Amino acid sequence: MEYSQKKIKELVAENYVFASVLYYLGIEYYEFEEDSLEKVCIAKKVDLQYVVSELEKINQNEEIENIRLLSFPIDLVITYLKHTHFIFIKKDLPFLVKLVNKLDSITPNLASVEREIKDVFPLFVEDFVHHIYEEEDTLFEYISQLKAIEDKKKNPSAFFYKYPNFNMQKFAIDHEVHDDEMKGIRFLMDQYSIKETSPLNVKVLFSELERFEEKLKVHAKIENEVLFPKALMLEKSVRQKFDSLIRLN
């Protein structure tokens, strides 16, 4: 049976990632589980063929192109990381929040875990969003200022007066220590054994949480192995030039 005639719940059960694809295309799968994809697309005024093509991309295991960030200048690396921040906050987290809010098991042992997830997840989201904005306002801004000095677009004296105690190496070490942001969520997930009979929403949620965690690992790896080495070299270069300038004066 082609995708268009399948029920939404059948599509999502076939591949849990379909749930997020449908969500991003304006279809909240849990609102239309018993309807065919064609019927939902007509109701939501979404192009059926486009939706089918997006689902087929997932099933073909289409991989995202491996961006060679090591060869990118540091300002483009920051642009790339800011874009992933945007995706996390505007796309991934809202979908996860909706899935968490849909947890409604009546089985006592599952209900208790679900309650804990409902209690903990908003705190995780709040801390995560705060961390991202703080990183952009401090680390990314600091590196951007260094790049501006390197490109001779900014006065180094004013910069080092503004950041007398900022140390890139210390920031990098602290960042690596705090990389595991989903530790608490993963602990709760481990208390909930997914079975064939588990509700579809739970299967989708856990699949999406695992995908999100993998995205965070990739993001942290890019920061630790690409951004920080480049930033440390940039900071060293700018400081050396500034010290030379002071000695000449």
C-alpha atoms as a PDB file:
ATOM      1  CA  MET A   1       0.000   0.000   0.000  1.00  0.00           C
ATOM      2  CA  GLU A   2       1.437   3.371  -0.966  1.00  0.00           C
ATOM      3  CA  TYR A   3       1.920   6.071   1.654  1.00  0.00           C
ATOM      4  CA  SER A   4      -1.079   8.160   0.594  1.00  0.00           C
ATOM      5  CA  GLN A   5      -3.605   5.445   1.500  1.00  0.00           C
ATOM      6  CA  LYS A   6      -2.028   4.375   4.773  1.00  0.00           C
ATOM      7  CA  LYS A   7      -3.387   5.523   8.097  1.00  0.00           C
ATOM      8  CA  ILE A   8      -1.189   8.019   9.919  1.00  0.00           C
ATOM      9  CA  LYS A   9      -0.674   5.617  12.819  1.00  0.00           C
ATOM     10  CA  GLU A  10       0.493   2.924  10.370  1.00  0.00           C
ATOM     11  CA  LEU A  11       3.018   5.281   8.800  1.00  0.00           C
ATOM     12  CA  VAL A  12       4.415   6.387  12.151  1.00  0.00           C
ATOM     13  CA  ALA A  13       4.567   2.797  13.445  1.00  0.00           C
ATOM     14  CA  GLU A  14       6.547   1.918  10.307  1.00  0.00           C
ATOM     15  CA  ASN A  15       9.147   4.609  11.031  1.00  0.00           C
ATOM     16  CA  TYR A  16       8.966   6.766  14.164  1.00  0.00           C
ATOM     17  CA  VAL A  17      10.935   9.539  12.443  1.00  0.00           C
ATOM     18  CA  PHE A  18       7.910  10.066  10.197  1.00  0.00           C
ATOM     19  CA  ALA A  19       6.189  11.665  13.204  1.00  0.00           C
ATOM     20  CA  SER A  20       8.628  14.581  13.292  1.00  0.00           C
ATOM     21  CA  VAL A  21       8.601  14.952   9.486  1.00  0.00           C
ATOM     22  CA  LEU A  22       4.809  15.200   9.528  1.00  0.00           C
ATOM     23  CA  TYR A  23       4.937  17.646  12.441  1.00  0.00           C
ATOM     24  CA  TYR A  24       7.349  19.953  10.613  1.00  0.00           C
ATOM     25  CA  LEU A  25       5.019  19.845   7.597  1.00  0.00           C
ATOM     26  CA  GLY A  26       2.066  20.956   9.708  1.00  0.00           C
ATOM     27  CA  ILE A  27       0.533  17.578  10.537  1.00  0.00           C
ATOM     28  CA  GLU A  28       0.367  16.575  14.201  1.00  0.00           C
ATOM     29  CA  TYR A  29       0.173  12.819  13.749  1.00  0.00           C
ATOM     30  CA  TYR A  30      -1.542  12.111  17.096  1.00  0.00           C
ATOM     31  CA  GLU A  31      -4.536  14.226  16.018  1.00  0.00           C
ATOM     32  CA  PHE A  32      -5.148  12.137  12.883  1.00  0.00           C
ATOM     33  CA  GLU A  33      -4.012   8.596  13.720  1.00  0.00           C
ATOM     34  CA  GLU A  34      -7.030   6.863  12.148  1.00  0.00           C
ATOM     35  CA  ASP A  35      -7.072   8.960   8.949  1.00  0.00           C
ATOM     36  CA  SER A  36      -5.208   8.228   5.731  1.00  0.00           C
ATOM     37  CA  LEU A  37      -2.335  10.501   4.747  1.00  0.00           C
ATOM     38  CA  GLU A  38      -4.281  11.620   1.674  1.00  0.00           C
ATOM     39  CA  LYS A  39      -7.319  12.580   3.753  1.00  0.00           C
ATOM     40  CA  VAL A  40      -5.200  14.539   6.247  1.00  0.00           C
ATOM     41  CA  CYS A  41      -3.322  16.395   3.505  1.00  0.00           C
ATOM     42  CA  ILE A  42      -6.624  17.451   1.944  1.00  0.00           C
ATOM     43  CA  ALA A  43      -7.958  18.588   5.337  1.00  0.00           C
ATOM     44  CA  LYS A  44      -4.757  20.488   6.202  1.00  0.00           C
ATOM     45  CA  LYS A  45      -4.336  21.835   2.637  1.00  0.00           C
ATOM     46  CA  VAL A  46      -0.842  20.360   2.389  1.00  0.00           C
ATOM     47  CA  ASP A  47       0.560  19.072  -0.902  1.00  0.00           C
ATOM     48  CA  LEU A  48       0.311  15.274  -0.749  1.00  0.00           C
ATOM     49  CA  GLN A  49       3.112  14.544  -3.211  1.00  0.00           C
ATOM     50  CA  TYR A  50       5.505  16.831  -1.355  1.00  0.00           C
ATOM     51  CA  VAL A  51       4.719  15.094   1.950  1.00  0.00           C
ATOM     52  CA  VAL A  52       5.218  11.664   0.341  1.00  0.00           C
ATOM     53  CA  SER A  53       8.558  12.766  -1.149  1.00  0.00           C
ATOM     54  CA  GLU A  54       9.749  13.968   2.272  1.00  0.00           C
ATOM     55  CA  LEU A  55       8.793  10.639   3.863  1.00  0.00           C
ATOM     56  CA  GLU A  56      10.526   8.721   1.083  1.00  0.00           C
ATOM     57  CA  LYS A  57      13.733  10.642   1.713  1.00  0.00           C
ATOM     58  CA  ILE A  58      13.757   9.291   5.267  1.00  0.00           C
ATOM     59  CA  ASN A  59      13.081   5.735   4.136  1.00  0.00           C
ATOM     60  CA  GLN A  60      15.903   5.936   1.612  1.00  0.00           C
ATOM     61  CA  ASN A  61      18.230   6.650   4.552  1.00  0.00           C
ATOM     62  CA  GLU A  62      19.255   9.910   2.955  1.00  0.00           C
ATOM     63  CA  GLU A  63      22.219  11.158   4.953  1.00  0.00           C
ATOM     64  CA  ILE A  64      22.923  14.778   5.656  1.00  0.00           C
ATOM     65  CA  GLU A  65      26.019  15.892   3.774  1.00  0.00           C
ATOM     66  CA  ASN A  66      29.081  15.804   5.972  1.00  0.00           C
ATOM     67  CA  ILE A  67      30.044  19.453   6.302  1.00  0.00           C
ATOM     68  CA  ARG A  68      33.804  19.858   6.415  1.00  0.00           C
ATOM     69  CA  LEU A  69      33.787  22.354   9.208  1.00  0.00           C
ATOM     70  CA  LEU A  70      37.488  21.998   9.905  1.00  0.00           C
ATOM     71  CA  SER A  71      38.210  23.863   6.682  1.00  0.00           C
ATOM     72  CA  PHE A  72      35.681  26.616   7.451  1.00  0.00           C
ATOM     73  CA  PRO A  73      36.769  30.000   8.875  1.00  0.00           C
ATOM     74  CA  ILE A  74      35.700  30.374  12.485  1.00  0.00           C
ATOM     75  CA  ASP A  75      32.940  32.899  11.790  1.00  0.00           C
ATOM     76  CA  LEU A  76      31.229  30.374   9.477  1.00  0.00           C
ATOM     77  CA  VAL A  77      31.566  27.663  12.130  1.00  0.00           C
ATOM     78  CA  ILE A  78      29.741  29.971  14.552  1.00  0.00           C
ATOM     79  CA  THR A  79      27.058  30.666  11.940  1.00  0.00           C
ATOM     80  CA  TYR A  80      26.580  26.918  11.500  1.00  0.00           C
ATOM     81  CA  LEU A  81      26.341  26.340  15.270  1.00  0.00           C
ATOM     82  CA  LYS A  82      23.871  29.202  15.671  1.00  0.00           C
ATOM     83  CA  HIS A  83      21.718  27.629  12.989  1.00  0.00           C
ATOM     84  CA  THR A  84      21.691  24.304  14.854  1.00  0.00           C
ATOM     85  CA  HIS A  85      20.724  26.229  18.014  1.00  0.00           C
ATOM     86  CA  PHE A  86      17.790  27.678  16.086  1.00  0.00           C
ATOM     87  CA  ILE A  87      16.696  24.204  14.943  1.00  0.00           C
ATOM     88  CA  PHE A  88      16.946  22.878  18.513  1.00  0.00           C
ATOM     89  CA  ILE A  89      14.830  25.687  19.975  1.00  0.00           C
ATOM     90  CA  LYS A  90      12.297  26.299  17.203  1.00  0.00           C
ATOM     91  CA  LYS A  91      11.778  22.766  15.842  1.00  0.00           C
ATOM     92  CA  ASP A  92      13.099  19.902  17.980  1.00  0.00           C
ATOM     93  CA  LEU A  93      12.130  21.074  21.465  1.00  0.00           C
ATOM     94  CA  PRO A  94       8.552  22.198  20.635  1.00  0.00           C
ATOM     95  CA  PHE A  95       7.840  18.767  19.123  1.00  0.00           C
ATOM     96  CA  LEU A  96       9.332  16.973  22.129  1.00  0.00           C
ATOM     97  CA  VAL A  97       7.301  19.145  24.518  1.00  0.00           C
ATOM     98  CA  LYS A  98       4.096  18.222  22.661  1.00  0.00           C
ATOM     99  CA  LEU A  99       4.968  14.525  22.831  1.00  0.00           C
ATOM    100  CA  VAL A 100       5.748  14.736  26.559  1.00  0.00           C
ATOM    101  CA  ASN A 101       2.442  16.497  27.208  1.00  0.00           C
ATOM    102  CA  LYS A 102       0.646  13.681  25.357  1.00  0.00           C
ATOM    103  CA  LEU A 103       1.864  11.022  27.790  1.00  0.00           C
ATOM    104  CA  ASP A 104      -1.230   9.555  29.419  1.00  0.00           C
ATOM    105  CA  SER A 105      -0.627   5.929  30.389  1.00  0.00           C
ATOM    106  CA  ILE A 106      -3.121   4.383  32.784  1.00  0.00           C
ATOM    107  CA  THR A 107      -0.746   1.546  33.698  1.00  0.00           C
ATOM    108  CA  PRO A 108       0.489   2.354  37.262  1.00  0.00           C
ATOM    109  CA  ASN A 109       4.188   1.543  36.825  1.00  0.00           C
ATOM    110  CA  LEU A 110       4.372   3.430  33.504  1.00  0.00           C
ATOM    111  CA  ALA A 111       2.247   6.334  34.733  1.00  0.00           C
ATOM    112  CA  SER A 112       4.698   7.094  37.549  1.00  0.00           C
ATOM    113  CA  VAL A 113       7.643   7.319  35.123  1.00  0.00           C
ATOM    114  CA  GLU A 114       5.605   9.420  32.732  1.00  0.00           C
ATOM    115  CA  ARG A 115       4.711  11.793  35.555  1.00  0.00           C
ATOM    116  CA  GLU A 116       8.388  12.216  36.379  1.00  0.00           C
ATOM    117  CA  ILE A 117       9.222  12.878  32.728  1.00  0.00           C
ATOM    118  CA  LYS A 118       6.450  15.496  32.621  1.00  0.00           C
ATOM    119  CA  ASP A 119       7.901  17.131  35.742  1.00  0.00           C
ATOM    120  CA  VAL A 120      11.548  17.010  34.679  1.00  0.00           C
ATOM    121  CA  PHE A 121      11.342  17.809  30.965  1.00  0.00           C
ATOM    122  CA  PRO A 122      10.220  21.466  31.306  1.00  0.00           C
ATOM    123  CA  LEU A 123      13.181  22.060  33.653  1.00  0.00           C
ATOM    124  CA  PHE A 124      15.519  20.463  31.116  1.00  0.00           C
ATOM    125  CA  VAL A 125      14.113  22.682  28.347  1.00  0.00           C
ATOM    126  CA  GLU A 126      14.469  25.822  30.484  1.00  0.00           C
ATOM    127  CA  ASP A 127      18.086  25.008  31.407  1.00  0.00           C
ATOM    128  CA  PHE A 128      18.939  24.004  27.844  1.00  0.00           C
ATOM    129  CA  VAL A 129      17.546  27.182  26.264  1.00  0.00           C
ATOM    130  CA  HIS A 130      19.288  29.307  28.923  1.00  0.00           C
ATOM    131  CA  HIS A 131      22.568  27.502  28.195  1.00  0.00           C
ATOM    132  CA  ILE A 132      22.253  28.124  24.448  1.00  0.00           C
ATOM    133  CA  TYR A 133      21.516  31.842  24.780  1.00  0.00           C
ATOM    134  CA  GLU A 134      24.282  32.239  27.350  1.00  0.00           C
ATOM    135  CA  GLU A 135      26.721  30.498  25.012  1.00  0.00           C
ATOM    136  CA  GLU A 136      25.772  32.801  22.145  1.00  0.00           C
ATOM    137  CA  ASP A 137      25.956  35.941  24.311  1.00  0.00           C
ATOM    138  CA  THR A 138      29.311  35.085  25.904  1.00  0.00           C
ATOM    139  CA  LEU A 139      31.416  32.531  24.009  1.00  0.00           C
ATOM    140  CA  PHE A 140      30.237  33.242  20.464  1.00  0.00           C
ATOM    141  CA  GLU A 141      30.333  36.992  21.051  1.00  0.00           C
ATOM    142  CA  TYR A 142      33.869  36.756  22.483  1.00  0.00           C
ATOM    143  CA  ILE A 143      35.106  34.762  19.481  1.00  0.00           C
ATOM    144  CA  SER A 144      33.384  37.137  17.041  1.00  0.00           C
ATOM    145  CA  GLN A 145      35.149  40.073  18.698  1.00  0.00           C
ATOM    146  CA  LEU A 146      38.492  38.265  18.389  1.00  0.00           C
ATOM    147  CA  LYS A 147      37.810  37.666  14.702  1.00  0.00           C
ATOM    148  CA  ALA A 148      36.996  41.351  14.214  1.00  0.00           C
ATOM    149  CA  ILE A 149      40.361  42.291  15.791  1.00  0.00           C
ATOM    150  CA  GLU A 150      42.155  39.743  13.600  1.00  0.00           C
ATOM    151  CA  ASP A 151      40.479  41.306  10.558  1.00  0.00           C
ATOM    152  CA  LYS A 152      41.530  44.768  11.831  1.00  0.00           C
ATOM    153  CA  LYS A 153      37.930  45.886  12.245  1.00  0.00           C
ATOM    154  CA  LYS A 154      38.131  46.420  16.011  1.00  0.00           C
ATOM    155  CA  ASN A 155      40.496  48.064  18.497  1.00  0.00           C
ATOM    156  CA  PRO A 156      42.211  45.370  20.630  1.00  0.00           C
ATOM    157  CA  SER A 157      42.724  47.680  23.628  1.00  0.00           C
ATOM    158  CA  ALA A 158      38.989  48.188  24.175  1.00  0.00           C
ATOM    159  CA  PHE A 159      38.431  44.460  23.730  1.00  0.00           C
ATOM    160  CA  PHE A 160      40.932  43.321  26.361  1.00  0.00           C
ATOM    161  CA  TYR A 161      39.645  45.997  28.728  1.00  0.00           C
ATOM    162  CA  LYS A 162      36.138  44.520  28.318  1.00  0.00           C
ATOM    163  CA  TYR A 163      37.311  40.878  28.722  1.00  0.00           C
ATOM    164  CA  PRO A 164      40.196  41.022  31.233  1.00  0.00           C
ATOM    165  CA  ASN A 165      39.530  37.584  32.765  1.00  0.00           C
ATOM    166  CA  PHE A 166      37.988  35.593  29.929  1.00  0.00           C
ATOM    167  CA  ASN A 167      40.064  32.494  29.263  1.00  0.00           C
ATOM    168  CA  MET A 168      39.209  30.347  26.247  1.00  0.00           C
ATOM    169  CA  GLN A 169      41.016  27.274  27.555  1.00  0.00           C
ATOM    170  CA  LYS A 170      39.127  27.349  30.865  1.00  0.00           C
ATOM    171  CA  PHE A 171      35.830  27.847  29.037  1.00  0.00           C
ATOM    172  CA  ALA A 172      36.602  24.878  26.768  1.00  0.00           C
ATOM    173  CA  ILE A 173      37.409  22.605  29.744  1.00  0.00           C
ATOM    174  CA  ASP A 174      34.251  23.651  31.631  1.00  0.00           C
ATOM    175  CA  HIS A 175      32.172  23.122  28.505  1.00  0.00           C
ATOM    176  CA  GLU A 176      33.453  19.571  28.010  1.00  0.00           C
ATOM    177  CA  VAL A 177      32.679  18.701  31.645  1.00  0.00           C
ATOM    178  CA  HIS A 178      29.042  19.815  31.245  1.00  0.00           C
ATOM    179  CA  ASP A 179      28.390  18.212  27.846  1.00  0.00           C
ATOM    180  CA  ASP A 180      25.998  15.496  29.098  1.00  0.00           C
ATOM    181  CA  GLU A 181      22.857  17.618  29.319  1.00  0.00           C
ATOM    182  CA  MET A 182      20.374  14.755  28.984  1.00  0.00           C
ATOM    183  CA  LYS A 183      21.661  12.608  31.834  1.00  0.00           C
ATOM    184  CA  GLY A 184      18.522  13.039  33.965  1.00  0.00           C
ATOM    185  CA  ILE A 185      16.138  12.411  31.055  1.00  0.00           C
ATOM    186  CA  ARG A 186      18.059   9.297  30.025  1.00  0.00           C
ATOM    187  CA  PHE A 187      17.872   7.954  33.585  1.00  0.00           C
ATOM    188  CA  LEU A 188      14.066   8.210  33.477  1.00  0.00           C
ATOM    189  CA  MET A 189      13.944   6.614  30.034  1.00  0.00           C
ATOM    190  CA  ASP A 190      15.918   3.661  31.387  1.00  0.00           C
ATOM    191  CA  GLN A 191      13.153   3.079  33.951  1.00  0.00           C
ATOM    192  CA  TYR A 192      10.614   2.612  31.177  1.00  0.00           C
ATOM    193  CA  SER A 193      11.043  -0.558  29.131  1.00  0.00           C
ATOM    194  CA  ILE A 194       9.679  -0.129  25.593  1.00  0.00           C
ATOM    195  CA  LYS A 195       7.751  -3.164  24.412  1.00  0.00           C
ATOM    196  CA  GLU A 196       5.773  -4.097  21.318  1.00  0.00           C
ATOM    197  CA  THR A 197       2.605  -3.269  23.237  1.00  0.00           C
ATOM    198  CA  SER A 198       3.814   0.138  24.416  1.00  0.00           C
ATOM    199  CA  PRO A 199       1.688   3.108  23.257  1.00  0.00           C
ATOM    200  CA  LEU A 200       2.736   4.548  19.882  1.00  0.00           C
ATOM    201  CA  ASN A 201       3.210   7.998  21.413  1.00  0.00           C
ATOM    202  CA  VAL A 202       5.724   6.609  23.911  1.00  0.00           C
ATOM    203  CA  LYS A 203       7.660   4.833  21.155  1.00  0.00           C
ATOM    204  CA  VAL A 204       7.769   8.046  19.119  1.00  0.00           C
ATOM    205  CA  LEU A 205       8.810  10.147  22.141  1.00  0.00           C
ATOM    206  CA  PHE A 206      11.652   7.846  23.142  1.00  0.00           C
ATOM    207  CA  SER A 207      12.836   7.593  19.547  1.00  0.00           C
ATOM    208  CA  GLU A 208      12.835  11.398  19.254  1.00  0.00           C
ATOM    209  CA  LEU A 209      14.623  11.837  22.596  1.00  0.00           C
ATOM    210  CA  GLU A 210      17.335   9.449  21.429  1.00  0.00           C
ATOM    211  CA  ARG A 211      17.646  11.316  18.135  1.00  0.00           C
ATOM    212  CA  PHE A 212      17.854  14.624  19.970  1.00  0.00           C
ATOM    213  CA  GLU A 213      20.560  13.277  22.254  1.00  0.00           C
ATOM    214  CA  GLU A 214      22.562  12.138  19.199  1.00  0.00           C
ATOM    215  CA  LYS A 215      22.206  15.634  17.705  1.00  0.00           C
ATOM    216  CA  LEU A 216      23.506  17.144  20.955  1.00  0.00           C
ATOM    217  CA  LYS A 217      26.499  14.786  20.896  1.00  0.00           C
ATOM    218  CA  VAL A 218      27.347  15.818  17.325  1.00  0.00           C
ATOM    219  CA  HIS A 219      26.903  19.481  18.247  1.00  0.00           C
ATOM    220  CA  ALA A 220      29.174  19.140  21.297  1.00  0.00           C
ATOM    221  CA  LYS A 221      31.767  17.287  19.222  1.00  0.00           C
ATOM    222  CA  ILE A 222      31.846  20.118  16.670  1.00  0.00           C
ATOM    223  CA  GLU A 223      32.316  22.654  19.452  1.00  0.00           C
ATOM    224  CA  ASN A 224      35.005  20.630  21.239  1.00  0.00           C
ATOM    225  CA  GLU A 225      36.940  19.430  18.185  1.00  0.00           C
ATOM    226  CA  VAL A 226      36.438  22.284  15.706  1.00  0.00           C
ATOM    227  CA  LEU A 227      35.307  25.515  17.369  1.00  0.00           C
ATOM    228  CA  PHE A 228      37.514  25.502  20.480  1.00  0.00           C
ATOM    229  CA  PRO A 229      40.790  24.577  18.729  1.00  0.00           C
ATOM    230  CA  LYS A 230      40.186  27.348  16.177  1.00  0.00           C
ATOM    231  CA  ALA A 231      39.181  29.792  18.917  1.00  0.00           C
ATOM    232  CA  LEU A 232      42.238  28.989  21.039  1.00  0.00           C
ATOM    233  CA  MET A 233      44.541  29.616  18.063  1.00  0.00           C
ATOM    234  CA  LEU A 234      42.719  32.857  17.257  1.00  0.00           C
ATOM    235  CA  GLU A 235      42.908  34.051  20.872  1.00  0.00           C
ATOM    236  CA  LYS A 236      46.635  33.245  21.022  1.00  0.00           C
ATOM    237  CA  SER A 237      47.301  35.085  17.758  1.00  0.00           C
ATOM    238  CA  VAL A 238      45.367  38.194  18.821  1.00  0.00           C
ATOM    239  CA  ARG A 239      47.031  38.287  22.255  1.00  0.00           C
ATOM    240  CA  GLN A 240      50.501  37.960  20.728  1.00  0.00           C
ATOM    241  CA  LYS A 241      49.848  40.826  18.326  1.00  0.00           C
ATOM    242  CA  PHE A 242      48.436  42.947  21.142  1.00  0.00           C
ATOM    243  CA  ASP A 243      51.453  42.225  23.379  1.00  0.00           C
ATOM    244  CA  SER A 244      53.796  43.138  20.516  1.00  0.00           C
ATOM    245  CA  LEU A 245      51.910  46.379  19.989  1.00  0.00           C
ATOM    246  CA  ILE A 246      52.228  47.263  23.685  1.00  0.00           C
ATOM    247  CA  ARG A 247      55.982  46.580  23.656  1.00  0.00           C
ATOM    248  CA  LEU A 248      56.443  48.810  20.621  1.00  0.00           C
ATOM    249  CA  ASN A 249      54.688  51.633  22.456  1.00  0.00           C
END
